[in-house]
Amino acid sequence: MAANSSSAVSKTSNSAGGKQSGPSAEQVVSTFQRMRQEQRSMASKSAELEMDINEHSLVIDTLREVDPSRKCFRLVGGVLVERTVKEVLPALETNKEQISKIIESINTQMQSKGRELTEYRERYNIRLVGEGEGDGPGQSAASSGDSEGGGSKSGAGVLVS
């Protein structure tokens, strides 16, 4: 019984020391979840813009095959305007180029956010639920070593679903 009370005291002192030196487990998890959500929103925005580029490409290919003086309609700021193909085609090509540049920028931001997430995971020893089950033998051996002998080390990790 004395052993149980001494381990409870050491756990309490570890958790109190952890709060003073850094963020709590809840703060770490919420920050990690926020960063993951930011990366997901960047990925969905990139996918949305990729679809816009595909639509632009279809329209551009179609308009190249018709008479340049032919009338066409374009949606500008929610207003449908009548123009000619020769007026609309250059604007569509310019828009497509600008969208491509934006996608490149978003992809660069996603890569840096991914590196930031990886560093954050390593700093706070964050493991995702299900992670390590399908990994190679080296990873499972490392995780079993942590759970067996690393008393304070395994307690410092954060498990995120």
Foldseek 3Di string as FASTA:
>chain_A
DVVVVVVVVVVVVVQVVDVVVDPHLVVLQVVLVVLVVVLVVLVVVLVVLVVVLVVLVVVLVVLVPDDQQDWDWDQDPNDIDIDGSVVVNVVSVVVSVVSVVVSVVSVVVSVVSVVVSVVSCVVQVEDEVPPPPPDDPVSVVVVVVCVPPVVVVVVSYHYHD
